[in-house]
Amino acid sequence: MKKLVILISGRGSNMEAIVRACSREGWPAQVAAVIANRPDAAGLEFAASHGIATAVVDHRQFPDRETFDAALAREIDAFAPDLVALAGFMRVLTPGFVDRYAGRMLNVHPSLLPSFTGLKTHQQALDAGVRLHGASVHFVTSELDHGPIVLQSAVPVLQGDDAAALAGRVLETEHTIYPRAVRWFVEGRLALDGLRVTLTPPEPQWLFADINSNKIAGEGV
């Protein structure tokens, strides 16, 4: 049985999607803890209501990133996780922290990486005039939003879209692809080959998600 620790900063809707999928689909895993860097993170209440241990490591109580990351790592390691999943965790992590969990830390980013890294990705997509936008699940590396891609989803950019409307459609697909990628990890189906991720056994190259009939989830392997 694999153990997961999920890091959040706010509502943690992707954390909720992972918790629900793990329970509903009977994964060989358990969510051991949900840890937030903000004591008012709404997702902590959801986790506690589902019998999941919670903890807060408030980044505002530390003088720099290194000491915060060291305290966060101690809290994570207390649960001995096989996988650390970032679910809306709004902190830039130090290289030492990332190296500590190399090959066993995933993140979901709201763009089709390598395009539109960083913040305000939906406005970046609108400003660039792209016709497709989406989300990516990737292994975390020390280069921000550049780790090996596990899975991606795409949504059309519609006429009249603003950043909020586009963000809402992308978030729906995140709730589909992130649990799927986490499940592949806990089932032992993912392996890193340099910057590429291999999935065994493979899935079809394109998987069509029936969410409002316009969401496409594509395998990134």
Protein backbone atom coordinates (compact mmCIF):
# COMPACT_ATOMS: atom_id res chain seq x y z
CA MET A 1 0.00 0.00 0.00
CA LYS A 2 1.55 3.29 -1.14
CA LYS A 3 1.28 6.39 1.03
CA LEU A 4 0.60 9.86 -0.36
CA VAL A 5 1.17 13.28 1.15
CA ILE A 6 -0.58 16.16 -0.58
CA LEU A 7 0.54 19.79 -0.23
CA ILE A 8 -1.97 22.62 -0.59
CA SER A 9 -2.19 26.36 -0.08
CA GLY A 10 -5.92 27.00 -0.41
CA ARG A 11 -9.08 25.12 -1.27
CA GLY A 12 -7.18 22.15 -2.67
CA SER A 13 -9.74 21.09 -5.27
CA ASN A 14 -7.18 18.83 -6.95
CA MET A 15 -6.47 17.29 -3.54
CA GLU A 16 -10.20 16.61 -3.21
CA ALA A 17 -10.22 14.97 -6.65
CA ILE A 18 -7.32 12.70 -5.68
CA VAL A 19 -8.88 11.74 -2.33
CA ARG A 20 -12.23 10.95 -3.94
CA ALA A 21 -10.69 8.94 -6.78
CA CYS A 22 -8.47 6.96 -4.40
CA SER A 23 -11.51 5.95 -2.36
CA ARG A 24 -13.90 5.43 -5.28
CA GLU A 25 -11.51 3.43 -7.46
CA GLY A 26 -9.85 1.41 -4.71
CA TRP A 27 -6.26 2.40 -5.42
CA PRO A 28 -3.45 0.45 -3.71
CA ALA A 29 -2.75 3.64 -1.76
CA GLN A 30 -3.90 5.89 1.03
CA VAL A 31 -3.65 9.64 1.48
CA ALA A 32 -1.63 9.73 4.68
CA ALA A 33 -1.67 13.49 5.19
CA VAL A 34 -2.59 16.87 3.75
CA ILE A 35 -0.14 19.63 4.63
CA ALA A 36 -0.71 23.34 4.04
CA ASN A 37 1.55 26.35 4.20
CA ARG A 38 -1.37 28.51 5.33
CA PRO A 39 -3.44 27.82 8.47
CA ASP A 40 -6.58 29.14 6.76
CA ALA A 41 -6.32 26.78 3.77
CA ALA A 42 -9.88 25.58 3.22
CA GLY A 43 -8.75 22.16 2.04
CA LEU A 44 -7.63 21.24 5.55
CA GLU A 45 -11.26 21.00 6.66
CA PHE A 46 -12.11 18.66 3.78
CA ALA A 47 -9.15 16.41 4.60
CA ALA A 48 -9.97 16.25 8.30
CA SER A 49 -13.61 15.42 7.53
CA HIS A 50 -12.35 12.41 5.55
CA GLY A 51 -10.19 11.12 8.40
CA ILE A 52 -6.92 12.31 6.87
CA ALA A 53 -4.18 13.70 9.09
CA THR A 54 -3.51 17.40 8.55
CA ALA A 55 -0.65 19.73 9.39
CA VAL A 56 0.34 23.34 8.82
CA VAL A 57 3.84 24.62 8.19
CA ASP A 58 3.24 28.36 7.90
CA HIS A 59 5.85 29.84 5.57
CA ARG A 60 5.38 33.25 7.21
CA GLN A 61 6.98 31.92 10.38
CA PHE A 62 10.35 31.30 8.68
CA PRO A 63 13.02 33.81 7.65
CA ASP A 64 13.81 32.23 4.27
CA ARG A 65 12.90 29.46 1.87
CA GLU A 66 15.62 27.13 3.07
CA THR A 67 14.43 27.00 6.67
CA PHE A 68 10.81 26.73 5.60
CA ASP A 69 11.61 23.87 3.23
CA ALA A 70 13.59 22.08 5.94
CA ALA A 71 10.64 22.28 8.34
CA LEU A 72 8.24 21.19 5.61
CA ALA A 73 10.43 18.21 4.75
CA ARG A 74 10.48 17.11 8.40
CA GLU A 75 6.68 17.22 8.49
CA ILE A 76 6.38 15.29 5.23
CA ASP A 77 8.91 12.66 6.25
CA ALA A 78 7.01 11.96 9.46
CA PHE A 79 4.43 10.23 7.22
CA ALA A 80 7.05 8.34 5.14
CA PRO A 81 5.28 8.95 1.82
CA ASP A 82 5.97 7.15 -1.44
CA LEU A 83 4.65 10.16 -3.35
CA VAL A 84 4.35 13.88 -2.63
CA ALA A 85 1.64 15.58 -4.71
CA LEU A 86 1.52 19.36 -5.06
CA ALA A 87 -2.10 20.47 -5.41
CA GLY A 88 -2.21 24.23 -5.68
CA PHE A 89 0.81 24.58 -3.41
CA MET A 90 1.87 28.16 -4.06
CA ARG A 91 5.49 28.09 -2.98
CA VAL A 92 8.66 27.99 -5.04
CA LEU A 93 10.69 25.08 -3.65
CA THR A 94 14.44 25.11 -3.18
CA PRO A 95 16.65 22.75 -5.22
CA GLY A 96 17.60 20.82 -2.09
CA PHE A 97 13.97 20.14 -1.27
CA VAL A 98 13.21 19.07 -4.83
CA ASP A 99 16.23 16.75 -4.89
CA ARG A 100 15.06 15.12 -1.66
CA TYR A 101 11.88 13.93 -3.38
CA ALA A 102 13.26 13.47 -6.90
CA GLY A 103 11.22 10.98 -8.90
CA ARG A 104 8.43 10.91 -6.32
CA MET A 105 6.93 14.40 -6.43
CA LEU A 106 4.22 15.39 -8.90
CA ASN A 107 2.60 18.71 -9.73
CA VAL A 108 -0.28 19.84 -11.92
CA HIS A 109 0.29 23.08 -13.84
CA PRO A 110 -2.47 24.99 -15.66
CA SER A 111 -0.94 25.14 -19.13
CA LEU A 112 0.30 22.89 -21.88
CA LEU A 113 3.93 22.84 -20.82
CA PRO A 114 6.48 23.92 -21.84
CA SER A 115 4.27 26.87 -22.82
CA PHE A 116 3.17 29.45 -20.24
CA THR A 117 5.15 28.61 -17.13
CA GLY A 118 4.76 30.57 -13.91
CA LEU A 119 1.66 32.52 -12.92
CA LYS A 120 -1.36 33.93 -14.81
CA THR A 121 -1.16 31.14 -17.37
CA HIS A 122 -4.70 31.65 -18.66
CA GLN A 123 -4.10 35.30 -19.44
CA GLN A 124 -0.78 34.35 -21.02
CA ALA A 125 -2.65 31.94 -23.31
CA LEU A 126 -5.22 34.58 -24.25
CA ASP A 127 -2.53 37.18 -24.92
CA ALA A 128 -0.65 34.71 -27.15
CA GLY A 129 -3.75 33.98 -29.19
CA VAL A 130 -3.45 30.20 -28.95
CA ARG A 131 -6.42 28.04 -29.98
CA LEU A 132 -5.74 25.31 -27.41
CA HIS A 133 -4.87 25.65 -23.74
CA GLY A 134 -4.85 23.06 -20.98
CA ALA A 135 -3.04 21.45 -18.07
CA SER A 136 0.00 19.25 -17.48
CA VAL A 137 0.91 16.76 -14.76
CA HIS A 138 4.67 16.55 -14.42
CA PHE A 139 7.43 15.35 -12.15
CA VAL A 140 8.88 18.25 -10.18
CA THR A 141 12.45 19.31 -10.87
CA SER A 142 14.48 22.28 -9.70
CA GLU A 143 13.62 24.17 -12.91
CA LEU A 144 10.22 25.69 -12.28
CA ASP A 145 7.43 24.08 -14.34
CA HIS A 146 9.85 22.16 -16.54
CA GLY A 147 9.82 18.59 -15.17
CA PRO A 148 9.12 15.46 -17.24
CA ILE A 149 5.49 15.41 -18.37
CA VAL A 150 3.26 12.50 -17.39
CA LEU A 151 -0.08 13.57 -18.82
CA GLN A 152 -1.69 16.58 -20.47
CA SER A 153 -5.22 17.77 -21.19
CA ALA A 154 -6.36 20.31 -23.77
CA VAL A 155 -9.38 22.58 -24.00
CA PRO A 156 -10.30 24.99 -26.80
CA VAL A 157 -9.90 28.70 -26.32
CA LEU A 158 -13.33 30.04 -27.21
CA GLN A 159 -14.28 33.39 -28.69
CA GLY A 160 -15.16 35.76 -25.88
CA ASP A 161 -13.16 33.85 -23.26
CA ASP A 162 -11.64 35.76 -20.41
CA ALA A 163 -9.06 34.35 -18.00
CA ALA A 164 -11.69 33.25 -15.46
CA ALA A 165 -13.80 31.34 -17.98
CA LEU A 166 -10.76 29.63 -19.44
CA ALA A 167 -9.43 28.79 -15.98
CA GLY A 168 -12.70 27.10 -15.04
CA ARG A 169 -12.62 24.76 -18.03
CA VAL A 170 -8.95 23.94 -17.49
CA LEU A 171 -9.55 23.17 -13.80
CA GLU A 172 -12.22 20.61 -14.72
CA THR A 173 -9.67 18.70 -16.78
CA GLU A 174 -7.08 18.93 -13.99
CA HIS A 175 -9.55 17.04 -11.80
CA THR A 176 -9.51 14.25 -14.40
CA ILE A 177 -5.85 13.98 -15.33
CA TYR A 178 -4.20 14.51 -11.95
CA PRO A 179 -5.91 11.57 -10.22
CA ARG A 180 -5.19 9.43 -13.28
CA ALA A 181 -1.48 10.26 -13.18
CA VAL A 182 -1.29 9.66 -9.42
CA ARG A 183 -2.98 6.31 -9.85
CA TRP A 184 -0.44 5.32 -12.51
CA PHE A 185 2.33 6.20 -10.05
CA VAL A 186 0.93 4.20 -7.14
CA GLU A 187 0.33 1.23 -9.43
CA GLY A 188 4.02 1.30 -10.35
CA ARG A 189 3.35 2.05 -14.01
CA LEU A 190 5.50 5.18 -14.37
CA ALA A 191 9.24 5.28 -14.97
CA LEU A 192 11.58 8.15 -15.76
CA ASP A 193 13.84 7.84 -18.79
CA GLY A 194 15.78 11.08 -18.83
CA LEU A 195 13.25 13.80 -19.57
CA ARG A 196 10.65 11.33 -20.79
CA VAL A 197 8.11 9.39 -18.77
CA THR A 198 7.27 5.84 -19.80
CA LEU A 199 3.99 4.18 -18.90
CA THR A 200 3.71 0.39 -18.68
CA PRO A 201 1.48 -0.99 -20.01
CA PRO A 202 0.81 1.94 -22.33
CA GLU A 203 -2.53 3.64 -22.74
CA PRO A 204 -3.98 4.82 -26.08
CA GLN A 205 -2.17 7.91 -27.35
CA TRP A 206 -5.30 10.02 -27.07
CA LEU A 207 -7.92 9.54 -24.40
CA PHE A 208 -11.10 11.51 -24.83
CA ALA A 209 -12.73 12.77 -21.65
CA ASP A 210 -16.49 13.30 -21.86
CA ILE A 211 -16.57 16.57 -19.91
CA ASN A 212 -18.78 19.12 -21.64
CA SER A 213 -17.84 17.23 -24.83
CA ASN A 214 -14.80 19.41 -25.50
CA LYS A 215 -12.09 18.21 -23.10
CA ILE A 216 -9.29 16.07 -24.43
CA ALA A 217 -6.85 14.21 -22.19
CA GLY A 218 -3.71 13.17 -24.04
CA GLU A 219 -1.04 10.84 -22.81
CA GLY A 220 2.32 12.52 -22.38
CA VAL A 221 4.46 9.42 -22.86
